[in-house]
Amino acid sequence: MSKKEKIKILAQKSNIKIAENLDIYEWELPNEEFDCDIFLADNVILESHCLLNLNGINGKIHIHCQNNNVVNISLGLTTTKENNLQILNTLAGNSTFSKITFHIVPKDNCPSVLKTVGIIEEKTKDNEFLEQIKVLNINEQQIKCLPELYVYSNEAIANHNATIKTINEDELFYLNSKGLVKEQAMDLIKEGFLKSMLNK
């Protein structure tokens, strides 16, 4: 069973060592520039499935895996200011499974850069890595989604993708027919999109 915990990341440079299974139910990120390294011991499971409002974030979270780790992070992100957030995951040992998912809803006038980076080191084996970014773009906001992979081992499975979609007019029409005005319907669709990854 995983320990549930809130993680508070300090401004500038910080290190966090995790030696037991952990479920992060909330991330507290500074509005200043930050660079955080998270180091997992062997056989540790790290999970996080939560919603996060990015309010002018500029930082990097780097998760370092060793052997027999499981990393399963799914974040529903709203962006209310210009943001630059990177989540990196280095697989330096063997037999690790890692999956990082972003569901993003940007708001008006907040161009952002959101990046996931997977790094599988050479001379490692039996690692699997998946990164996925999905954006629900309401008003044609400027947002850069950058899933990146650096795979230096031939004995690994790795995949990444990014998709950008708009409000489905059929869904909007259906909710309008149930008595919701356009703004209420759009809010419900956005909420469903963000929360759809919480149980992954």
N, C-alpha and C. Protein backbone atom coordinates (compact mmCIF):
# COMPACT_ATOMS: atom_id res chain seq x y z
N MET A 1 0.84 -1.19 0.00
CA MET A 1 0.00 0.00 0.00
C MET A 1 0.88 1.25 0.00
N SER A 2 0.49 2.25 -0.80
CA SER A 2 1.30 3.45 -0.91
C SER A 2 0.92 4.47 0.16
N LYS A 3 1.92 5.17 0.64
CA LYS A 3 1.72 6.28 1.55
C LYS A 3 1.23 7.48 0.75
N LYS A 4 0.19 8.17 1.23
CA LYS A 4 -0.31 9.36 0.55
C LYS A 4 0.35 10.59 1.14
N GLU A 5 0.78 11.48 0.26
CA GLU A 5 1.53 12.64 0.75
C GLU A 5 1.42 13.81 -0.21
N LYS A 6 1.45 15.01 0.34
CA LYS A 6 1.57 16.22 -0.46
C LYS A 6 3.04 16.54 -0.61
N ILE A 7 3.45 16.90 -1.83
CA ILE A 7 4.84 17.25 -2.08
C ILE A 7 4.95 18.76 -2.26
N LYS A 8 5.82 19.37 -1.48
CA LYS A 8 6.09 20.80 -1.62
C LYS A 8 7.49 20.96 -2.20
N ILE A 9 7.56 21.59 -3.35
CA ILE A 9 8.83 21.82 -4.02
C ILE A 9 9.27 23.25 -3.77
N LEU A 10 10.51 23.40 -3.32
CA LEU A 10 11.03 24.71 -2.99
C LEU A 10 11.56 25.41 -4.23
N ALA A 11 11.69 26.72 -4.12
CA ALA A 11 12.25 27.51 -5.22
C ALA A 11 13.72 27.14 -5.42
N GLN A 12 14.20 27.39 -6.62
CA GLN A 12 15.57 27.13 -7.02
C GLN A 12 15.86 25.63 -7.03
N LYS A 13 16.90 25.16 -6.38
CA LYS A 13 17.35 23.76 -6.50
C LYS A 13 16.98 22.96 -5.26
N SER A 14 16.38 21.76 -5.46
CA SER A 14 16.05 20.91 -4.33
C SER A 14 16.14 19.44 -4.73
N ASN A 15 16.37 18.57 -3.75
CA ASN A 15 16.45 17.12 -3.94
C ASN A 15 15.47 16.43 -3.00
N ILE A 16 14.77 15.43 -3.52
CA ILE A 16 13.84 14.63 -2.71
C ILE A 16 14.18 13.16 -2.92
N LYS A 17 14.38 12.42 -1.82
CA LYS A 17 14.66 11.00 -1.90
C LYS A 17 13.43 10.23 -1.42
N ILE A 18 13.00 9.24 -2.21
CA ILE A 18 11.81 8.46 -1.88
C ILE A 18 12.21 6.99 -1.75
N ALA A 19 12.00 6.43 -0.55
CA ALA A 19 12.44 5.06 -0.27
C ALA A 19 11.29 4.11 -0.04
N GLU A 20 10.03 4.60 -0.13
CA GLU A 20 8.87 3.74 0.04
C GLU A 20 7.80 4.14 -0.96
N ASN A 21 6.84 3.24 -1.18
CA ASN A 21 5.78 3.53 -2.14
C ASN A 21 5.05 4.81 -1.75
N LEU A 22 4.80 5.67 -2.75
CA LEU A 22 4.24 6.98 -2.45
C LEU A 22 3.19 7.36 -3.49
N ASP A 23 2.07 7.89 -2.99
CA ASP A 23 1.00 8.43 -3.84
C ASP A 23 0.91 9.93 -3.54
N ILE A 24 1.34 10.74 -4.49
CA ILE A 24 1.32 12.20 -4.30
C ILE A 24 -0.07 12.71 -4.69
N TYR A 25 -0.83 13.18 -3.70
CA TYR A 25 -2.19 13.64 -3.98
C TYR A 25 -2.24 15.13 -4.29
N GLU A 26 -1.12 15.83 -4.05
CA GLU A 26 -1.08 17.27 -4.36
C GLU A 26 0.36 17.71 -4.53
N TRP A 27 0.58 18.58 -5.53
CA TRP A 27 1.89 19.18 -5.77
C TRP A 27 1.80 20.66 -5.45
N GLU A 28 2.67 21.14 -4.58
CA GLU A 28 2.76 22.58 -4.32
C GLU A 28 4.03 23.09 -4.99
N LEU A 29 3.84 23.90 -6.03
CA LEU A 29 4.96 24.38 -6.82
C LEU A 29 5.14 25.88 -6.61
N PRO A 30 6.38 26.35 -6.55
CA PRO A 30 6.61 27.78 -6.35
C PRO A 30 6.35 28.56 -7.63
N ASN A 31 6.02 29.83 -7.49
CA ASN A 31 5.85 30.69 -8.65
C ASN A 31 7.18 31.29 -9.12
N GLU A 32 8.26 30.89 -8.47
CA GLU A 32 9.59 31.28 -8.89
C GLU A 32 10.20 30.14 -9.71
N GLU A 33 11.35 30.40 -10.31
CA GLU A 33 12.04 29.34 -11.06
C GLU A 33 12.50 28.25 -10.10
N PHE A 34 12.33 26.98 -10.51
CA PHE A 34 12.75 25.88 -9.64
C PHE A 34 13.29 24.72 -10.46
N ASP A 35 14.10 23.89 -9.80
CA ASP A 35 14.71 22.71 -10.41
C ASP A 35 14.77 21.64 -9.32
N CYS A 36 13.91 20.63 -9.44
CA CYS A 36 13.79 19.61 -8.39
C CYS A 36 14.15 18.23 -8.93
N ASP A 37 15.03 17.53 -8.23
CA ASP A 37 15.38 16.15 -8.56
C ASP A 37 14.74 15.22 -7.54
N ILE A 38 14.01 14.19 -8.04
CA ILE A 38 13.39 13.19 -7.20
C ILE A 38 14.07 11.85 -7.46
N PHE A 39 14.65 11.24 -6.42
CA PHE A 39 15.40 10.00 -6.56
C PHE A 39 14.62 8.85 -5.92
N LEU A 40 14.33 7.82 -6.72
CA LEU A 40 13.60 6.65 -6.22
C LEU A 40 14.57 5.53 -5.86
N ALA A 41 14.35 4.91 -4.71
CA ALA A 41 15.09 3.70 -4.36
C ALA A 41 14.55 2.53 -5.19
N ASP A 42 15.29 1.43 -5.24
CA ASP A 42 14.83 0.24 -5.94
C ASP A 42 13.47 -0.22 -5.40
N ASN A 43 12.65 -0.77 -6.29
CA ASN A 43 11.37 -1.40 -5.94
C ASN A 43 10.31 -0.42 -5.42
N VAL A 44 10.48 0.86 -5.67
CA VAL A 44 9.52 1.86 -5.20
C VAL A 44 8.50 2.17 -6.29
N ILE A 45 7.24 2.33 -5.87
CA ILE A 45 6.16 2.75 -6.76
C ILE A 45 5.84 4.22 -6.45
N LEU A 46 5.86 5.05 -7.48
CA LEU A 46 5.52 6.46 -7.34
C LEU A 46 4.29 6.74 -8.20
N GLU A 47 3.22 7.19 -7.56
CA GLU A 47 1.99 7.51 -8.29
C GLU A 47 1.54 8.92 -7.96
N SER A 48 0.83 9.53 -8.91
CA SER A 48 0.19 10.81 -8.66
C SER A 48 -0.91 11.01 -9.69
N HIS A 49 -2.14 11.18 -9.21
CA HIS A 49 -3.29 11.40 -10.09
C HIS A 49 -4.06 12.56 -9.49
N CYS A 50 -3.84 13.77 -10.00
CA CYS A 50 -4.47 14.93 -9.39
C CYS A 50 -4.59 16.08 -10.38
N LEU A 51 -5.34 17.09 -9.96
CA LEU A 51 -5.52 18.30 -10.76
C LEU A 51 -4.58 19.37 -10.23
N LEU A 52 -4.08 20.20 -11.16
CA LEU A 52 -3.08 21.20 -10.79
C LEU A 52 -3.30 22.45 -11.62
N ASN A 53 -3.40 23.59 -10.95
CA ASN A 53 -3.52 24.87 -11.65
C ASN A 53 -2.14 25.50 -11.74
N LEU A 54 -1.67 25.72 -12.97
CA LEU A 54 -0.36 26.34 -13.19
C LEU A 54 -0.56 27.84 -13.31
N ASN A 55 -0.01 28.54 -12.33
CA ASN A 55 -0.25 29.98 -12.24
C ASN A 55 1.08 30.73 -12.35
N GLY A 56 1.70 30.64 -13.53
CA GLY A 56 2.99 31.30 -13.73
C GLY A 56 4.16 30.46 -13.26
N ILE A 57 4.15 29.17 -13.63
CA ILE A 57 5.20 28.24 -13.21
C ILE A 57 6.37 28.28 -14.20
N ASN A 58 7.59 28.21 -13.68
CA ASN A 58 8.78 28.09 -14.52
C ASN A 58 9.74 27.13 -13.84
N GLY A 59 9.66 25.85 -14.21
CA GLY A 59 10.49 24.91 -13.48
C GLY A 59 10.59 23.54 -14.10
N LYS A 60 11.40 22.71 -13.44
CA LYS A 60 11.70 21.37 -13.92
C LYS A 60 11.66 20.39 -12.77
N ILE A 61 10.97 19.25 -13.00
CA ILE A 61 10.96 18.14 -12.05
C ILE A 61 11.59 16.95 -12.75
N HIS A 62 12.65 16.41 -12.17
CA HIS A 62 13.39 15.31 -12.79
C HIS A 62 13.33 14.09 -11.88
N ILE A 63 12.64 13.04 -12.35
CA ILE A 63 12.49 11.80 -11.59
C ILE A 63 13.55 10.80 -12.03
N HIS A 64 14.34 10.31 -11.08
CA HIS A 64 15.43 9.38 -11.37
C HIS A 64 15.05 7.99 -10.87
N CYS A 65 14.92 7.03 -11.79
CA CYS A 65 14.56 5.65 -11.44
C CYS A 65 15.80 4.75 -11.45
N GLN A 66 15.74 3.72 -10.61
CA GLN A 66 16.80 2.71 -10.58
C GLN A 66 16.24 1.38 -11.09
N ASN A 67 16.02 0.42 -10.21
CA ASN A 67 15.57 -0.92 -10.62
C ASN A 67 14.18 -1.22 -10.08
N ASN A 68 13.36 -1.85 -10.92
CA ASN A 68 12.03 -2.33 -10.52
C ASN A 68 11.15 -1.21 -9.96
N ASN A 69 11.21 -0.07 -10.58
CA ASN A 69 10.34 1.04 -10.18
C ASN A 69 9.09 1.06 -11.05
N VAL A 70 8.02 1.62 -10.50
CA VAL A 70 6.81 1.94 -11.27
C VAL A 70 6.53 3.43 -11.05
N VAL A 71 6.44 4.16 -12.14
CA VAL A 71 6.08 5.58 -12.08
C VAL A 71 4.82 5.76 -12.90
N ASN A 72 3.76 6.23 -12.26
CA ASN A 72 2.48 6.44 -12.96
C ASN A 72 1.94 7.80 -12.53
N ILE A 73 2.18 8.80 -13.36
CA ILE A 73 1.80 10.17 -13.05
C ILE A 73 0.81 10.68 -14.09
N SER A 74 -0.37 11.08 -13.64
CA SER A 74 -1.41 11.64 -14.51
C SER A 74 -1.86 12.96 -13.89
N LEU A 75 -1.63 14.05 -14.61
CA LEU A 75 -1.96 15.37 -14.09
C LEU A 75 -2.95 16.06 -15.00
N GLY A 76 -4.03 16.57 -14.42
CA GLY A 76 -4.95 17.43 -15.15
C GLY A 76 -4.55 18.87 -14.88
N LEU A 77 -4.11 19.57 -15.90
CA LEU A 77 -3.51 20.89 -15.74
C LEU A 77 -4.39 21.98 -16.34
N THR A 78 -4.64 23.03 -15.57
CA THR A 78 -5.20 24.26 -16.13
C THR A 78 -4.10 25.31 -16.07
N THR A 79 -4.03 26.14 -17.10
CA THR A 79 -2.99 27.17 -17.14
C THR A 79 -3.66 28.53 -17.13
N THR A 80 -3.39 29.32 -16.09
CA THR A 80 -4.02 30.62 -15.93
C THR A 80 -3.04 31.78 -16.14
N LYS A 81 -1.77 31.44 -16.33
CA LYS A 81 -0.76 32.43 -16.70
C LYS A 81 0.23 31.73 -17.63
N GLU A 82 1.20 32.48 -18.12
CA GLU A 82 2.24 31.87 -18.96
C GLU A 82 3.09 30.94 -18.10
N ASN A 83 3.30 29.71 -18.61
CA ASN A 83 4.01 28.69 -17.84
C ASN A 83 5.08 28.01 -18.68
N ASN A 84 6.06 27.47 -17.97
CA ASN A 84 7.08 26.63 -18.59
C ASN A 84 7.38 25.51 -17.60
N LEU A 85 6.81 24.33 -17.84
CA LEU A 85 6.96 23.21 -16.93
C LEU A 85 7.53 22.01 -17.67
N GLN A 86 8.58 21.39 -17.11
CA GLN A 86 9.17 20.19 -17.67
C GLN A 86 9.14 19.08 -16.61
N ILE A 87 8.72 17.90 -17.02
CA ILE A 87 8.86 16.72 -16.17
C ILE A 87 9.72 15.72 -16.92
N LEU A 88 10.88 15.43 -16.36
CA LEU A 88 11.82 14.48 -16.95
C LEU A 88 11.84 13.21 -16.12
N ASN A 89 12.06 12.09 -16.80
CA ASN A 89 12.14 10.80 -16.12
C ASN A 89 13.29 10.01 -16.73
N THR A 90 14.32 9.76 -15.91
CA THR A 90 15.47 8.98 -16.35
C THR A 90 15.38 7.58 -15.78
N LEU A 91 15.44 6.58 -16.67
CA LEU A 91 15.45 5.17 -16.27
C LEU A 91 16.88 4.68 -16.39
N ALA A 92 17.57 4.60 -15.23
CA ALA A 92 18.98 4.25 -15.22
C ALA A 92 19.24 2.81 -14.85
N GLY A 93 18.18 2.10 -14.40
CA GLY A 93 18.33 0.69 -14.03
C GLY A 93 17.51 -0.20 -14.94
N ASN A 94 17.07 -1.32 -14.41
CA ASN A 94 16.34 -2.32 -15.19
C ASN A 94 14.92 -2.54 -14.67
N SER A 95 14.08 -3.06 -15.56
CA SER A 95 12.73 -3.54 -15.20
C SER A 95 11.87 -2.46 -14.55
N THR A 96 11.85 -1.28 -15.16
CA THR A 96 11.03 -0.18 -14.67
C THR A 96 9.93 0.14 -15.68
N PHE A 97 8.73 0.42 -15.17
CA PHE A 97 7.62 0.88 -16.00
C PHE A 97 7.31 2.31 -15.63
N SER A 98 7.22 3.19 -16.63
CA SER A 98 6.94 4.59 -16.37
C SER A 98 5.91 5.11 -17.36
N LYS A 99 4.91 5.81 -16.83
CA LYS A 99 3.88 6.43 -17.67
C LYS A 99 3.57 7.82 -17.12
N ILE A 100 3.71 8.81 -17.99
CA ILE A 100 3.45 10.20 -17.60
C ILE A 100 2.41 10.78 -18.55
N THR A 101 1.30 11.27 -18.00
CA THR A 101 0.20 11.78 -18.80
C THR A 101 -0.18 13.18 -18.34
N PHE A 102 -0.32 14.11 -19.30
CA PHE A 102 -0.86 15.44 -19.03
C PHE A 102 -2.17 15.59 -19.78
N HIS A 103 -3.22 16.07 -19.12
CA HIS A 103 -4.41 16.59 -19.79
C HIS A 103 -4.45 18.08 -19.47
N ILE A 104 -4.50 18.92 -20.50
CA ILE A 104 -4.29 20.36 -20.30
C ILE A 104 -5.46 21.15 -20.87
N VAL A 105 -5.95 22.11 -20.08
CA VAL A 105 -6.94 23.08 -20.56
C VAL A 105 -6.35 24.48 -20.34
N PRO A 106 -5.89 25.14 -21.40
CA PRO A 106 -5.36 26.50 -21.25
C PRO A 106 -6.48 27.53 -21.22
N LYS A 107 -6.27 28.59 -20.47
CA LYS A 107 -7.23 29.69 -20.45
C LYS A 107 -6.69 30.85 -21.29
N ASP A 108 -7.48 31.91 -21.40
CA ASP A 108 -7.14 33.01 -22.29
C ASP A 108 -5.79 33.63 -21.95
N ASN A 109 -5.06 33.98 -23.02
CA ASN A 109 -3.83 34.79 -22.90
C ASN A 109 -2.80 34.19 -21.95
N CYS A 110 -2.58 32.88 -22.07
CA CYS A 110 -1.55 32.27 -21.24
C CYS A 110 -0.74 31.27 -22.07
N PRO A 111 0.06 31.75 -23.03
CA PRO A 111 0.90 30.84 -23.81
C PRO A 111 1.85 30.08 -22.90
N SER A 112 1.96 28.78 -23.11
CA SER A 112 2.74 27.94 -22.20
C SER A 112 3.57 26.93 -22.97
N VAL A 113 4.64 26.47 -22.32
CA VAL A 113 5.44 25.36 -22.81
C VAL A 113 5.36 24.25 -21.77
N LEU A 114 4.88 23.08 -22.19
CA LEU A 114 4.74 21.93 -21.30
C LEU A 114 5.45 20.75 -21.94
N LYS A 115 6.43 20.23 -21.24
CA LYS A 115 7.30 19.23 -21.83
C LYS A 115 7.43 18.02 -20.92
N THR A 116 7.35 16.81 -21.52
CA THR A 116 7.72 15.59 -20.82
C THR A 116 8.91 14.98 -21.55
N VAL A 117 9.87 14.49 -20.80
CA VAL A 117 11.08 13.93 -21.39
C VAL A 117 11.36 12.58 -20.75
N GLY A 118 11.49 11.55 -21.59
CA GLY A 118 11.88 10.23 -21.12
C GLY A 118 13.28 9.90 -21.58
N ILE A 119 14.10 9.43 -20.66
CA ILE A 119 15.49 9.09 -20.95
C ILE A 119 15.74 7.66 -20.48
N ILE A 120 16.04 6.77 -21.40
CA ILE A 120 16.38 5.39 -21.04
C ILE A 120 17.87 5.19 -21.31
N GLU A 121 18.62 4.96 -20.24
CA GLU A 121 20.07 4.92 -20.35
C GLU A 121 20.55 3.65 -21.06
N GLU A 122 21.77 3.71 -21.59
CA GLU A 122 22.37 2.56 -22.25
C GLU A 122 22.69 1.47 -21.23
N LYS A 123 22.82 0.25 -21.72
CA LYS A 123 23.12 -0.94 -20.91
C LYS A 123 22.03 -1.22 -19.88
N THR A 124 20.81 -0.79 -20.17
CA THR A 124 19.67 -1.14 -19.33
C THR A 124 18.76 -2.07 -20.13
N LYS A 125 17.88 -2.79 -19.44
CA LYS A 125 16.99 -3.71 -20.15
C LYS A 125 15.64 -3.82 -19.43
N ASP A 126 14.66 -4.27 -20.21
CA ASP A 126 13.31 -4.55 -19.70
C ASP A 126 12.64 -3.31 -19.12
N ASN A 127 12.92 -2.15 -19.69
CA ASN A 127 12.24 -0.93 -19.28
C ASN A 127 11.14 -0.57 -20.27
N GLU A 128 10.07 0.04 -19.76
CA GLU A 128 8.97 0.49 -20.62
C GLU A 128 8.58 1.91 -20.23
N PHE A 129 8.47 2.77 -21.23
CA PHE A 129 8.18 4.18 -20.95
C PHE A 129 7.14 4.70 -21.93
N LEU A 130 6.14 5.41 -21.39
CA LEU A 130 5.09 6.02 -22.21
C LEU A 130 4.85 7.42 -21.70
N GLU A 131 4.82 8.39 -22.62
CA GLU A 131 4.44 9.75 -22.25
C GLU A 131 3.38 10.24 -23.22
N GLN A 132 2.42 10.98 -22.67
CA GLN A 132 1.25 11.38 -23.45
C GLN A 132 0.78 12.75 -22.99
N ILE A 133 0.61 13.67 -23.96
CA ILE A 133 0.09 15.00 -23.66
C ILE A 133 -1.17 15.21 -24.49
N LYS A 134 -2.27 15.59 -23.83
CA LYS A 134 -3.51 15.89 -24.53
C LYS A 134 -3.97 17.29 -24.13
N VAL A 135 -4.31 18.10 -25.12
CA VAL A 135 -4.71 19.48 -24.86
C VAL A 135 -6.12 19.71 -25.39
N LEU A 136 -6.96 20.31 -24.56
CA LEU A 136 -8.28 20.77 -25.01
C LEU A 136 -8.16 22.27 -25.23
N ASN A 137 -7.99 22.67 -26.48
CA ASN A 137 -7.72 24.07 -26.79
C ASN A 137 -9.03 24.78 -27.12
N ILE A 138 -9.40 25.72 -26.27
CA ILE A 138 -10.70 26.37 -26.38
C ILE A 138 -10.69 27.54 -27.35
N ASN A 139 -9.72 28.43 -27.19
CA ASN A 139 -9.72 29.67 -27.96
C ASN A 139 -8.43 29.84 -28.76
N GLU A 140 -7.93 28.75 -29.31
CA GLU A 140 -6.72 28.80 -30.14
C GLU A 140 -5.56 29.44 -29.40
N GLN A 141 -5.36 29.03 -28.15
CA GLN A 141 -4.25 29.57 -27.38
C GLN A 141 -2.91 29.05 -27.89
N GLN A 142 -1.87 29.83 -27.66
CA GLN A 142 -0.53 29.40 -28.05
C GLN A 142 0.03 28.51 -26.95
N ILE A 143 0.15 27.23 -27.25
CA ILE A 143 0.67 26.29 -26.27
C ILE A 143 1.57 25.29 -26.99
N LYS A 144 2.76 25.08 -26.43
CA LYS A 144 3.71 24.13 -27.01
C LYS A 144 3.74 22.89 -26.14
N CYS A 145 3.44 21.75 -26.74
CA CYS A 145 3.46 20.47 -26.04
C CYS A 145 4.60 19.65 -26.63
N LEU A 146 5.53 19.26 -25.79
CA LEU A 146 6.76 18.66 -26.29
C LEU A 146 7.05 17.34 -25.57
N PRO A 147 6.51 16.23 -26.07
CA PRO A 147 6.95 14.94 -25.53
C PRO A 147 8.25 14.52 -26.23
N GLU A 148 9.28 14.23 -25.46
CA GLU A 148 10.58 13.88 -26.04
C GLU A 148 11.06 12.55 -25.46
N LEU A 149 11.75 11.78 -26.29
CA LEU A 149 12.32 10.51 -25.87
C LEU A 149 13.78 10.42 -26.28
N TYR A 150 14.60 9.94 -25.36
CA TYR A 150 16.00 9.66 -25.64
C TYR A 150 16.27 8.23 -25.18
N VAL A 151 16.34 7.33 -26.14
CA VAL A 151 16.45 5.90 -25.82
C VAL A 151 17.82 5.40 -26.28
N TYR A 152 18.64 5.00 -25.31
CA TYR A 152 20.00 4.55 -25.60
C TYR A 152 20.17 3.05 -25.43
N SER A 153 19.06 2.35 -25.22
CA SER A 153 19.10 0.89 -25.05
C SER A 153 18.22 0.24 -26.11
N ASN A 154 18.68 -0.88 -26.64
CA ASN A 154 17.89 -1.65 -27.61
C ASN A 154 16.87 -2.56 -26.93
N GLU A 155 16.96 -2.70 -25.62
CA GLU A 155 16.08 -3.61 -24.89
C GLU A 155 15.07 -2.80 -24.08
N ALA A 156 14.29 -1.98 -24.78
CA ALA A 156 13.31 -1.12 -24.11
C ALA A 156 12.12 -0.91 -25.02
N ILE A 157 10.98 -0.61 -24.42
CA ILE A 157 9.77 -0.20 -25.15
C ILE A 157 9.51 1.25 -24.78
N ALA A 158 9.38 2.10 -25.78
CA ALA A 158 9.17 3.52 -25.50
C ALA A 158 8.23 4.12 -26.54
N ASN A 159 7.35 4.99 -26.08
CA ASN A 159 6.38 5.61 -26.99
C ASN A 159 5.96 6.96 -26.42
N HIS A 160 5.65 7.90 -27.32
CA HIS A 160 5.16 9.19 -26.86
C HIS A 160 4.24 9.79 -27.92
N ASN A 161 3.33 10.65 -27.46
CA ASN A 161 2.45 11.33 -28.40
C ASN A 161 1.85 12.57 -27.77
N ALA A 162 1.43 13.49 -28.63
CA ALA A 162 0.75 14.71 -28.20
C ALA A 162 -0.43 14.95 -29.13
N THR A 163 -1.57 15.28 -28.57
CA THR A 163 -2.75 15.57 -29.37
C THR A 163 -3.41 16.85 -28.87
N ILE A 164 -3.95 17.62 -29.80
CA ILE A 164 -4.68 18.84 -29.48
C ILE A 164 -6.07 18.74 -30.08
N LYS A 165 -7.09 18.94 -29.26
CA LYS A 165 -8.47 18.85 -29.74
C LYS A 165 -9.24 20.08 -29.30
N THR A 166 -10.39 20.28 -29.93
CA THR A 166 -11.27 21.37 -29.55
C THR A 166 -12.57 20.78 -28.99
N ILE A 167 -13.45 21.66 -28.53
CA ILE A 167 -14.74 21.21 -28.00
C ILE A 167 -15.52 20.48 -29.10
N ASN A 168 -16.02 19.30 -28.77
CA ASN A 168 -16.82 18.52 -29.70
C ASN A 168 -18.22 19.15 -29.81
N GLU A 169 -18.58 19.58 -31.03
CA GLU A 169 -19.86 20.25 -31.23
C GLU A 169 -21.05 19.35 -30.91
N ASP A 170 -20.90 18.04 -31.16
CA ASP A 170 -21.99 17.10 -30.84
C ASP A 170 -22.22 17.04 -29.33
N GLU A 171 -21.12 17.01 -28.55
CA GLU A 171 -21.25 17.01 -27.10
C GLU A 171 -21.90 18.30 -26.62
N LEU A 172 -21.49 19.41 -27.22
CA LEU A 172 -22.04 20.70 -26.84
C LEU A 172 -23.54 20.76 -27.15
N PHE A 173 -23.92 20.27 -28.33
CA PHE A 173 -25.33 20.26 -28.71
C PHE A 173 -26.15 19.38 -27.76
N TYR A 174 -25.60 18.22 -27.40
CA TYR A 174 -26.32 17.31 -26.50
C TYR A 174 -26.56 17.97 -25.15
N LEU A 175 -25.51 18.62 -24.59
CA LEU A 175 -25.67 19.26 -23.29
C LEU A 175 -26.61 20.46 -23.37
N ASN A 176 -26.57 21.19 -24.48
CA ASN A 176 -27.53 22.29 -24.68
C ASN A 176 -28.96 21.76 -24.69
N SER A 177 -29.16 20.59 -25.32
CA SER A 177 -30.50 20.01 -25.40
C SER A 177 -31.02 19.56 -24.04
N LYS A 178 -30.08 19.39 -23.08
CA LYS A 178 -30.48 19.00 -21.72
C LYS A 178 -30.72 20.21 -20.82
N GLY A 179 -30.64 21.41 -21.41
CA GLY A 179 -30.96 22.60 -20.66
C GLY A 179 -29.78 23.43 -20.19
N LEU A 180 -28.57 23.00 -20.51
CA LEU A 180 -27.39 23.77 -20.11
C LEU A 180 -27.10 24.85 -21.15
N VAL A 181 -26.81 26.05 -20.69
CA VAL A 181 -26.40 27.10 -21.63
C VAL A 181 -24.97 26.80 -22.08
N LYS A 182 -24.53 27.47 -23.13
CA LYS A 182 -23.24 27.14 -23.73
C LYS A 182 -22.10 27.19 -22.73
N GLU A 183 -22.05 28.22 -21.90
CA GLU A 183 -20.94 28.35 -20.95
C GLU A 183 -20.95 27.22 -19.93
N GLN A 184 -22.11 26.84 -19.43
CA GLN A 184 -22.20 25.71 -18.49
C GLN A 184 -21.77 24.41 -19.15
N ALA A 185 -22.19 24.21 -20.39
CA ALA A 185 -21.84 22.99 -21.11
C ALA A 185 -20.33 22.90 -21.33
N MET A 186 -19.73 24.02 -21.72
CA MET A 186 -18.28 24.04 -21.95
C MET A 186 -17.52 23.77 -20.66
N ASP A 187 -17.99 24.34 -19.54
CA ASP A 187 -17.33 24.08 -18.25
C ASP A 187 -17.41 22.60 -17.88
N LEU A 188 -18.55 21.97 -18.16
CA LEU A 188 -18.72 20.56 -17.85
C LEU A 188 -17.80 19.69 -18.71
N ILE A 189 -17.67 20.04 -19.99
CA ILE A 189 -16.78 19.30 -20.90
C ILE A 189 -15.33 19.44 -20.45
N LYS A 190 -14.93 20.65 -20.09
CA LYS A 190 -13.55 20.88 -19.63
C LYS A 190 -13.26 20.10 -18.36
N GLU A 191 -14.22 20.10 -17.43
CA GLU A 191 -14.03 19.36 -16.18
C GLU A 191 -13.90 17.87 -16.44
N GLY A 192 -14.73 17.35 -17.33
CA GLY A 192 -14.65 15.93 -17.67
C GLY A 192 -13.34 15.57 -18.33
N PHE A 193 -12.85 16.44 -19.19
CA PHE A 193 -11.56 16.20 -19.86
C PHE A 193 -10.42 16.15 -18.85
N LEU A 194 -10.42 17.08 -17.92
CA LEU A 194 -9.35 17.11 -16.91
C LEU A 194 -9.41 15.91 -16.00
N LYS A 195 -10.61 15.52 -15.58
CA LYS A 195 -10.74 14.44 -14.60
C LYS A 195 -10.68 13.05 -15.23
N SER A 196 -10.70 12.97 -16.55
CA SER A 196 -10.73 11.66 -17.21
C SER A 196 -9.46 10.86 -16.98
N MET A 197 -8.37 11.54 -16.53
CA MET A 197 -7.12 10.81 -16.31
C MET A 197 -6.87 10.46 -14.85
N LEU A 198 -7.79 10.80 -13.95
CA LEU A 198 -7.49 10.63 -12.52
C LEU A 198 -7.36 9.18 -12.11
N ASN A 199 -8.04 8.27 -12.78
CA ASN A 199 -7.98 6.85 -12.38
C ASN A 199 -7.07 6.02 -13.26
N LYS A 200 -6.22 6.68 -14.04
CA LYS A 200 -5.33 5.92 -14.94
C LYS A 200 -4.12 5.43 -14.20
